[in-house]
Amino acid sequence: MMNGEGLIQVRPLNEGIELTWSLEGEVHVVRNGTDVYEGTEHHYVDLETKVGEQVAYQLTFASGEEACVYTAAVNPKDDVYWNRHLTAAVVTDAGTYLHWDPIPDVESYAIYRQGRRVAEVSGSGYIDDTPLHEPTFYEVRALRPVKHSRKPGTQLIDFVGKAMTLGKEHTLSTRRDSELYVMYFMVSPSTPETIEVSDVQLRVQPFIKPPILKNPNVFSPHPYFEGDGRSYNVYAEDYRTRTEVMVEQLRDVPFVSIKKDANVTRGYTKHHKLTGEDVASVDQVYLEDVSIEPGEVTYRLKHSVGNPLVIAPDIKYTIVAHLKNRPTFKLSGEHTQSPHHEIYLRMGEAPWITIHRADDLGVSFMAQPLPYCHWTYLTCMQ
């Protein structure tokens, strides 16, 4: 098949993309529905795509073979990992090839197809030789050991952080010492029914799963905290914070707005007597790097919200979105691995799409240092 190990390769340039192939003869390249190249060269360089913009290439060879390539340009200086590093998919009638920049110090990658684990690979690519007949969801996951600084006091802080983890969470010790990297690929063999999109809504909800959370600090006046007592649910009204970013009028000149909210944090004694309650400030939830053009919007959502009752690390996340007036997009982000995080997207009145969900590492989030989760979601369709 046409894959990154043989006939088609995708390489990131400095805010650009290069495609190369080994098939002889004339080739016709279409970029996002527009003819961009026809000839016998074995490569095509795209310097027009914007960083983070989902781009689709269709290559038709003289032999009659065809391939679709989906990827996005990167920026080596961006703060978000998956905006600095490439992810791509090559789709043909024979199957799908997923490719990504190798992650340093990662020995293996777990591959999931439609939610089921199907492989583990050591290289930075995976070939699925199952022809696509319907939209297929792939997920690639990897753990990377955290390299702790050897500054004075670092080892002590790390020791205390581990000691503060509850006994029932000992099985998470490996996770707690590892950064999590997740790549999502939504691959479709056909053009979606919805051609144009006018409104796109993003919803982000960090939450605490148990109804009651024990405070690992035995000296705190708040031995227990009230949790949210739920699992993943886009419509839940119990959360630490809810942030929504609405992009409207994508078919014309777009308008971007943000709505943010925090629920009450409550502390209790072991006898369930209230010790205090307060609402965290959402002043540090905001948009930056907002770019608005006809039919296109880019923004960066920042979030840093702490516990209003005690001194503890903030819940932090960053999400970078590049949206167009089509149901194709790339989202990338990172967040602390506590508490639970859930991210959803809705286009117009269509059902919510689950973009990313990540489990809490446990009450060890009360202590530093805590590794991050780095994730990206790429639609692979015309």
Protein backbone atom coordinates (compact mmCIF):
# COMPACT_ATOMS: atom_id res chain seq x y z
CA MET A 1 0.00 0.00 0.00
CA MET A 2 1.03 3.65 -0.17
CA ASN A 3 2.55 4.31 3.19
CA GLY A 4 5.22 6.40 4.87
CA GLU A 5 7.66 3.49 4.79
CA GLY A 6 7.48 3.16 1.02
CA LEU A 7 5.59 5.12 -1.57
CA ILE A 8 4.40 8.26 0.25
CA GLN A 9 6.20 10.13 2.99
CA VAL A 10 5.10 13.22 4.90
CA ARG A 11 7.77 15.47 6.37
CA PRO A 12 7.32 18.68 8.39
CA LEU A 13 9.17 21.77 7.25
CA ASN A 14 9.50 25.07 9.07
CA GLU A 15 5.79 25.96 9.05
CA GLY A 16 5.28 23.89 5.91
CA ILE A 17 4.80 20.33 4.63
CA GLU A 18 6.66 18.20 2.09
CA LEU A 19 5.18 15.14 0.39
CA THR A 20 7.44 12.66 -1.41
CA TRP A 21 6.63 9.46 -3.31
CA SER A 22 8.43 6.77 -5.28
CA LEU A 23 5.90 5.92 -8.00
CA GLU A 24 7.12 6.80 -11.49
CA GLY A 25 5.15 8.82 -14.00
CA GLU A 26 2.88 11.80 -13.85
CA VAL A 27 1.05 12.70 -10.66
CA HIS A 28 -1.82 15.08 -10.00
CA VAL A 29 -2.01 16.73 -6.57
CA VAL A 30 -5.15 18.39 -5.21
CA ARG A 31 -4.92 20.38 -1.96
CA ASN A 32 -8.18 21.03 -0.08
CA GLY A 33 -10.11 20.68 -3.33
CA THR A 34 -7.81 22.91 -5.39
CA ASP A 35 -5.38 21.70 -8.07
CA VAL A 36 -1.85 22.59 -6.97
CA TYR A 37 0.52 20.37 -8.97
CA GLU A 38 0.72 18.17 -12.05
CA GLY A 39 3.98 16.73 -13.30
CA THR A 40 6.59 14.01 -12.95
CA GLU A 41 8.50 15.27 -9.93
CA HIS A 42 8.60 13.00 -6.89
CA HIS A 43 7.79 15.64 -4.29
CA TYR A 44 5.49 18.54 -3.52
CA VAL A 45 6.20 21.32 -1.03
CA ASP A 46 3.32 23.21 0.58
CA LEU A 47 4.24 26.49 2.25
CA GLU A 48 0.72 27.89 2.08
CA THR A 49 -0.89 25.89 4.88
CA LYS A 50 -1.11 27.52 8.29
CA VAL A 51 0.22 26.02 11.49
CA GLY A 52 -2.41 23.76 13.03
CA GLU A 53 -4.65 23.82 9.97
CA GLN A 54 -5.98 20.44 8.89
CA VAL A 55 -5.01 19.99 5.25
CA ALA A 56 -6.10 17.25 2.84
CA TYR A 57 -4.12 16.20 -0.25
CA GLN A 58 -5.39 13.88 -2.96
CA LEU A 59 -2.74 12.29 -5.15
CA THR A 60 -3.66 10.56 -8.41
CA PHE A 61 -0.90 8.68 -10.24
CA ALA A 62 -0.60 7.77 -13.92
CA SER A 63 -1.00 4.13 -12.93
CA GLY A 64 -4.49 4.91 -11.67
CA GLU A 65 -3.56 4.53 -8.01
CA GLU A 66 -4.88 7.16 -5.62
CA ALA A 67 -4.04 8.23 -2.09
CA CYS A 68 -5.35 10.83 0.35
CA VAL A 69 -2.97 12.42 2.84
CA TYR A 70 -4.18 14.27 5.94
CA THR A 71 -1.93 16.29 8.20
CA ALA A 72 -1.19 19.80 9.53
CA ALA A 73 1.79 22.12 9.51
CA VAL A 74 3.76 22.51 12.74
CA ASN A 75 5.69 25.26 14.48
CA PRO A 76 8.91 24.07 16.21
CA LYS A 77 8.60 26.93 18.71
CA ASP A 78 5.00 26.37 19.81
CA ASP A 79 4.34 25.70 23.51
CA VAL A 80 1.96 22.79 22.83
CA TYR A 81 3.76 19.53 22.00
CA TRP A 82 1.52 18.40 19.14
CA ASN A 83 1.72 21.80 17.50
CA ARG A 84 5.49 21.28 17.33
CA HIS A 85 5.36 17.70 16.05
CA LEU A 86 3.75 16.07 13.04
CA THR A 87 0.84 13.65 12.87
CA ALA A 88 -0.44 12.36 9.52
CA ALA A 89 -2.59 9.70 7.88
CA VAL A 90 -2.27 8.21 4.39
CA VAL A 91 -5.47 6.56 3.19
CA THR A 92 -5.85 4.34 0.10
CA ASP A 93 -8.20 1.63 -1.07
CA ALA A 94 -5.79 -0.90 0.43
CA GLY A 95 -5.77 0.53 3.94
CA THR A 96 -4.56 3.30 6.25
CA TYR A 97 -1.10 4.34 7.39
CA LEU A 98 -0.82 6.45 10.56
CA HIS A 99 2.41 8.35 11.07
CA TRP A 100 3.79 10.68 13.75
CA ASP A 101 7.07 12.23 14.82
CA PRO A 102 8.83 9.83 17.21
CA ILE A 103 8.57 10.81 20.88
CA PRO A 104 11.96 10.77 22.65
CA ASP A 105 12.38 8.06 25.32
CA VAL A 106 9.20 6.25 24.24
CA GLU A 107 9.74 2.54 23.61
CA SER A 108 6.31 1.54 22.32
CA TYR A 109 2.95 2.90 21.18
CA ALA A 110 -0.41 1.24 21.81
CA ILE A 111 -2.83 1.33 18.85
CA TYR A 112 -6.61 1.29 19.29
CA ARG A 113 -9.15 0.92 16.49
CA GLN A 114 -12.79 1.70 17.26
CA GLY A 115 -11.88 1.59 20.97
CA ARG A 116 -10.29 -1.87 20.83
CA ARG A 117 -6.55 -2.38 21.30
CA VAL A 118 -5.24 -3.94 18.09
CA ALA A 119 -1.44 -3.55 18.19
CA GLU A 120 1.66 -2.29 19.92
CA VAL A 121 4.45 -0.86 17.77
CA SER A 122 7.97 0.34 18.50
CA GLY A 123 8.26 2.63 15.48
CA SER A 124 6.51 5.92 14.77
CA GLY A 125 3.91 4.50 12.40
CA TYR A 126 1.19 1.89 12.06
CA ILE A 127 -0.28 0.22 8.98
CA ASP A 128 -3.86 -1.04 9.03
CA ASP A 129 -4.38 -3.08 5.84
CA THR A 130 -8.14 -3.21 6.41
CA PRO A 131 -9.89 -1.26 3.63
CA LEU A 132 -12.13 1.46 4.99
CA HIS A 133 -15.84 1.26 4.25
CA GLU A 134 -17.07 3.53 7.02
CA PRO A 135 -15.68 6.23 9.35
CA THR A 136 -13.07 4.65 11.63
CA PHE A 137 -11.61 6.05 14.84
CA TYR A 138 -7.98 5.36 15.73
CA GLU A 139 -6.19 6.21 18.97
CA VAL A 140 -2.44 6.02 19.59
CA ARG A 141 -1.19 6.18 23.21
CA ALA A 142 2.31 6.31 24.70
CA LEU A 143 3.88 6.88 28.11
CA ARG A 144 7.13 8.81 28.46
CA PRO A 145 9.14 8.75 31.72
CA VAL A 146 9.41 12.13 33.38
CA LYS A 147 12.92 13.47 33.68
CA HIS A 148 12.98 15.17 37.06
CA SER A 149 15.23 18.13 37.60
CA ARG A 150 18.10 17.66 40.02
CA LYS A 151 17.73 21.08 41.52
CA PRO A 152 18.00 21.24 45.32
CA GLY A 153 14.84 19.94 46.95
CA THR A 154 13.44 18.26 43.82
CA GLN A 155 13.92 14.71 45.12
CA LEU A 156 12.30 15.61 48.43
CA ILE A 157 9.30 17.17 46.70
CA ASP A 158 8.89 14.11 44.52
CA PHE A 159 9.12 11.79 47.53
CA VAL A 160 6.49 13.77 49.40
CA GLY A 161 4.24 13.76 46.33
CA LYS A 162 4.40 9.98 46.12
CA ALA A 163 3.86 9.59 49.86
CA MET A 164 0.71 11.68 49.60
CA THR A 165 -0.82 9.24 47.13
CA LEU A 166 -3.44 7.01 48.76
CA GLY A 167 -2.65 3.30 49.11
CA LYS A 168 -5.37 2.29 46.71
CA GLU A 169 -3.63 4.37 44.04
CA HIS A 170 -0.29 2.58 44.21
CA THR A 171 -1.04 0.92 40.91
CA LEU A 172 -0.82 4.37 39.33
CA SER A 173 2.81 4.84 40.35
CA THR A 174 4.03 4.20 36.80
CA ARG A 175 1.51 6.63 35.38
CA ARG A 176 2.41 9.25 37.95
CA ASP A 177 6.02 9.18 36.79
CA SER A 178 5.09 9.35 33.11
CA GLU A 179 3.77 11.91 30.68
CA LEU A 180 0.88 10.66 28.57
CA TYR A 181 0.79 11.25 24.81
CA VAL A 182 -2.42 10.61 22.88
CA MET A 183 -3.17 10.95 19.17
CA TYR A 184 -6.69 10.65 17.77
CA PHE A 185 -7.39 10.09 14.06
CA MET A 186 -10.96 10.19 12.76
CA VAL A 187 -10.61 8.64 9.30
CA SER A 188 -13.48 8.65 6.81
CA PRO A 189 -13.42 7.15 3.31
CA SER A 190 -16.08 9.58 2.10
CA THR A 191 -16.93 13.26 2.26
CA PRO A 192 -19.18 14.09 5.24
CA GLU A 193 -22.83 14.81 4.59
CA THR A 194 -22.49 18.28 6.12
CA ILE A 195 -20.42 20.33 3.68
CA GLU A 196 -20.52 23.70 5.43
CA VAL A 197 -20.43 24.59 9.13
CA SER A 198 -21.60 27.88 10.59
CA ASP A 199 -21.24 27.41 14.39
CA VAL A 200 -18.71 25.37 16.38
CA GLN A 201 -18.85 25.04 20.18
CA LEU A 202 -16.05 23.67 22.38
CA ARG A 203 -16.84 22.47 25.93
CA VAL A 204 -14.16 21.58 28.52
CA GLN A 205 -14.96 20.19 31.99
CA PRO A 206 -12.37 19.11 34.57
CA PHE A 207 -14.16 17.21 37.33
CA ILE A 208 -13.57 15.02 40.39
CA LYS A 209 -15.12 11.57 39.92
CA PRO A 210 -15.75 10.42 43.55
CA PRO A 211 -18.46 12.12 45.64
CA ILE A 212 -15.99 12.61 48.51
CA LEU A 213 -12.22 13.12 48.20
CA LYS A 214 -9.84 12.63 51.14
CA ASN A 215 -7.34 15.43 51.61
CA PRO A 216 -3.82 13.89 51.76
CA ASN A 217 -2.67 16.78 53.97
CA VAL A 218 -3.44 15.50 57.48
CA PHE A 219 -2.81 18.96 58.95
CA SER A 220 -5.43 20.71 56.83
CA PRO A 221 -8.60 22.09 58.48
CA HIS A 222 -10.46 20.47 55.55
CA PRO A 223 -9.89 16.67 55.88
CA TYR A 224 -12.30 15.93 53.05
CA PHE A 225 -13.52 17.68 49.90
CA GLU A 226 -16.79 17.32 48.10
CA GLY A 227 -16.31 15.74 44.68
CA ASP A 228 -18.60 15.78 41.68
CA GLY A 229 -19.76 12.17 42.04
CA ARG A 230 -20.05 11.33 38.38
CA SER A 231 -18.41 9.83 35.32
CA TYR A 232 -17.94 11.35 31.87
CA ASN A 233 -20.99 13.26 30.71
CA VAL A 234 -21.05 16.25 28.38
CA TYR A 235 -24.32 17.48 29.93
CA ALA A 236 -23.29 17.12 33.60
CA GLU A 237 -23.83 20.12 35.84
CA ASP A 238 -21.27 18.93 38.40
CA TYR A 239 -17.70 19.94 37.54
CA ARG A 240 -14.78 21.94 38.87
CA THR A 241 -15.00 24.33 35.95
CA ARG A 242 -16.84 24.46 32.66
CA THR A 243 -15.43 26.51 29.80
CA GLU A 244 -17.19 26.97 26.49
CA VAL A 245 -15.83 28.68 23.39
CA MET A 246 -18.38 29.51 20.73
CA VAL A 247 -17.43 30.33 17.14
CA GLU A 248 -20.37 31.71 15.16
CA GLN A 249 -20.92 32.85 11.57
CA LEU A 250 -18.13 30.73 10.10
CA ARG A 251 -19.79 31.02 6.70
CA ASP A 252 -19.21 34.77 6.81
CA VAL A 253 -17.04 36.85 9.17
CA PRO A 254 -16.79 34.73 12.34
CA PHE A 255 -17.45 35.88 15.89
CA VAL A 256 -15.70 34.27 18.89
CA SER A 257 -16.92 34.32 22.51
CA ILE A 258 -16.04 32.52 25.75
CA LYS A 259 -18.19 31.46 28.69
CA LYS A 260 -16.60 30.21 31.92
CA ASP A 261 -17.94 28.96 35.21
CA ALA A 262 -16.72 27.31 38.44
CA ASN A 263 -18.73 25.28 40.91
CA VAL A 264 -18.53 25.61 44.69
CA THR A 265 -15.63 23.87 46.47
CA ARG A 266 -16.66 22.48 49.87
CA GLY A 267 -14.56 21.06 52.69
CA TYR A 268 -15.78 18.61 55.37
CA THR A 269 -14.72 16.81 58.51
CA LYS A 270 -14.75 13.01 58.62
CA HIS A 271 -18.20 13.33 60.15
CA HIS A 272 -19.40 15.29 57.10
CA LYS A 273 -19.56 18.61 58.90
CA LEU A 274 -18.93 21.57 56.63
CA THR A 275 -15.54 23.22 57.28
CA GLY A 276 -15.67 25.84 54.55
CA GLU A 277 -16.83 26.61 51.04
CA ASP A 278 -15.81 29.00 48.30
CA VAL A 279 -15.83 29.41 44.53
CA ALA A 280 -12.53 29.47 42.65
CA SER A 281 -11.68 32.46 40.50
CA VAL A 282 -11.85 31.95 36.74
CA ASP A 283 -9.85 35.08 35.96
CA GLN A 284 -7.09 32.90 34.54
CA VAL A 285 -9.38 31.26 32.00
CA TYR A 286 -9.07 33.21 28.78
CA LEU A 287 -8.46 33.21 25.03
CA GLU A 288 -5.29 34.42 23.35
CA ASP A 289 -3.78 34.37 19.85
CA VAL A 290 -7.26 34.73 18.36
CA SER A 291 -7.15 35.01 14.58
CA ILE A 292 -10.33 35.67 12.60
CA GLU A 293 -10.64 35.51 8.84
CA PRO A 294 -13.67 34.90 6.60
CA GLY A 295 -14.58 31.25 7.07
CA GLU A 296 -11.72 30.52 9.47
CA VAL A 297 -10.82 30.95 13.17
CA THR A 298 -7.80 30.07 15.28
CA TYR A 299 -7.58 30.48 19.05
CA ARG A 300 -5.65 29.31 22.10
CA LEU A 301 -7.64 28.57 25.27
CA LYS A 302 -5.73 28.87 28.56
CA HIS A 303 -6.94 27.62 31.95
CA SER A 304 -5.35 27.84 35.39
CA VAL A 305 -7.75 27.47 38.33
CA GLY A 306 -6.83 26.51 41.89
CA ASN A 307 -8.56 25.21 45.00
CA PRO A 308 -10.04 28.26 46.82
CA LEU A 309 -9.80 26.57 50.25
CA VAL A 310 -6.21 25.29 50.34
CA ILE A 311 -2.86 25.91 48.70
CA ALA A 312 -2.58 23.35 45.92
CA PRO A 313 -1.39 23.21 42.30
CA ASP A 314 -3.79 24.75 39.80
CA ILE A 315 -5.75 22.70 37.30
CA LYS A 316 -4.03 23.78 34.10
CA TYR A 317 -4.74 23.15 30.45
CA THR A 318 -4.13 24.70 27.05
CA ILE A 319 -6.11 23.97 23.89
CA VAL A 320 -5.26 25.22 20.41
CA ALA A 321 -8.04 25.10 17.81
CA HIS A 322 -7.98 25.76 14.08
CA LEU A 323 -11.54 25.74 12.74
CA LYS A 324 -12.94 26.34 9.29
CA ASN A 325 -16.40 26.49 7.74
CA ARG A 326 -16.10 22.76 7.05
CA PRO A 327 -16.37 19.79 9.44
CA THR A 328 -12.60 19.20 9.21
CA PHE A 329 -10.27 20.40 11.94
CA LYS A 330 -7.25 19.83 14.12
CA LEU A 331 -7.25 20.36 17.89
CA SER A 332 -4.21 20.00 20.13
CA GLY A 333 -3.75 20.49 23.84
CA GLU A 334 -2.14 19.57 27.12
CA HIS A 335 -3.31 19.40 30.73
CA THR A 336 -2.35 18.30 34.20
CA GLN A 337 -3.23 14.64 34.74
CA SER A 338 -5.62 15.45 37.58
CA PRO A 339 -8.50 15.68 38.02
CA HIS A 340 -10.57 13.99 35.27
CA HIS A 341 -10.69 16.00 32.02
CA GLU A 342 -13.30 15.85 29.27
CA ILE A 343 -13.39 17.83 26.03
CA TYR A 344 -16.24 17.94 23.53
CA LEU A 345 -17.04 19.68 20.24
CA ARG A 346 -20.37 20.39 18.58
CA MET A 347 -20.99 21.67 15.07
CA GLY A 348 -24.27 23.49 14.70
CA GLU A 349 -27.12 21.38 16.08
CA ALA A 350 -25.32 18.07 15.48
CA PRO A 351 -24.59 15.78 18.46
CA TRP A 352 -21.55 16.46 20.61
CA ILE A 353 -18.30 14.82 19.49
CA THR A 354 -16.04 13.42 22.20
CA ILE A 355 -12.61 14.89 21.52
CA HIS A 356 -10.61 13.80 24.56
CA ARG A 357 -11.14 12.15 27.94
CA ALA A 358 -8.43 11.53 30.53
CA ASP A 359 -8.65 9.86 33.94
CA ASP A 360 -7.45 11.42 37.16
CA LEU A 361 -4.12 10.11 38.49
CA GLY A 362 -5.49 10.38 42.03
CA VAL A 363 -5.21 12.77 44.95
CA SER A 364 -1.50 13.00 44.27
CA PHE A 365 -2.49 16.02 42.17
CA MET A 366 -2.33 17.91 45.47
CA ALA A 367 1.46 17.56 45.32
CA GLN A 368 4.12 18.48 42.82
CA PRO A 369 5.57 17.56 40.42
CA LEU A 370 2.79 16.21 38.21
CA PRO A 371 3.35 15.11 34.58
CA TYR A 372 1.13 16.39 31.78
CA CYS A 373 -1.05 14.74 29.19
CA HIS A 374 -0.37 15.86 25.58
CA TRP A 375 -3.12 15.12 23.07
CA THR A 376 -4.15 15.93 19.50
CA TYR A 377 -7.23 15.19 17.36
CA LEU A 378 -7.04 15.19 13.55
CA THR A 379 -9.96 14.67 11.18
CA CYS A 380 -8.91 12.68 8.13
CA MET A 381 -11.56 13.38 5.51
CA GLN A 382 -12.02 15.71 2.57
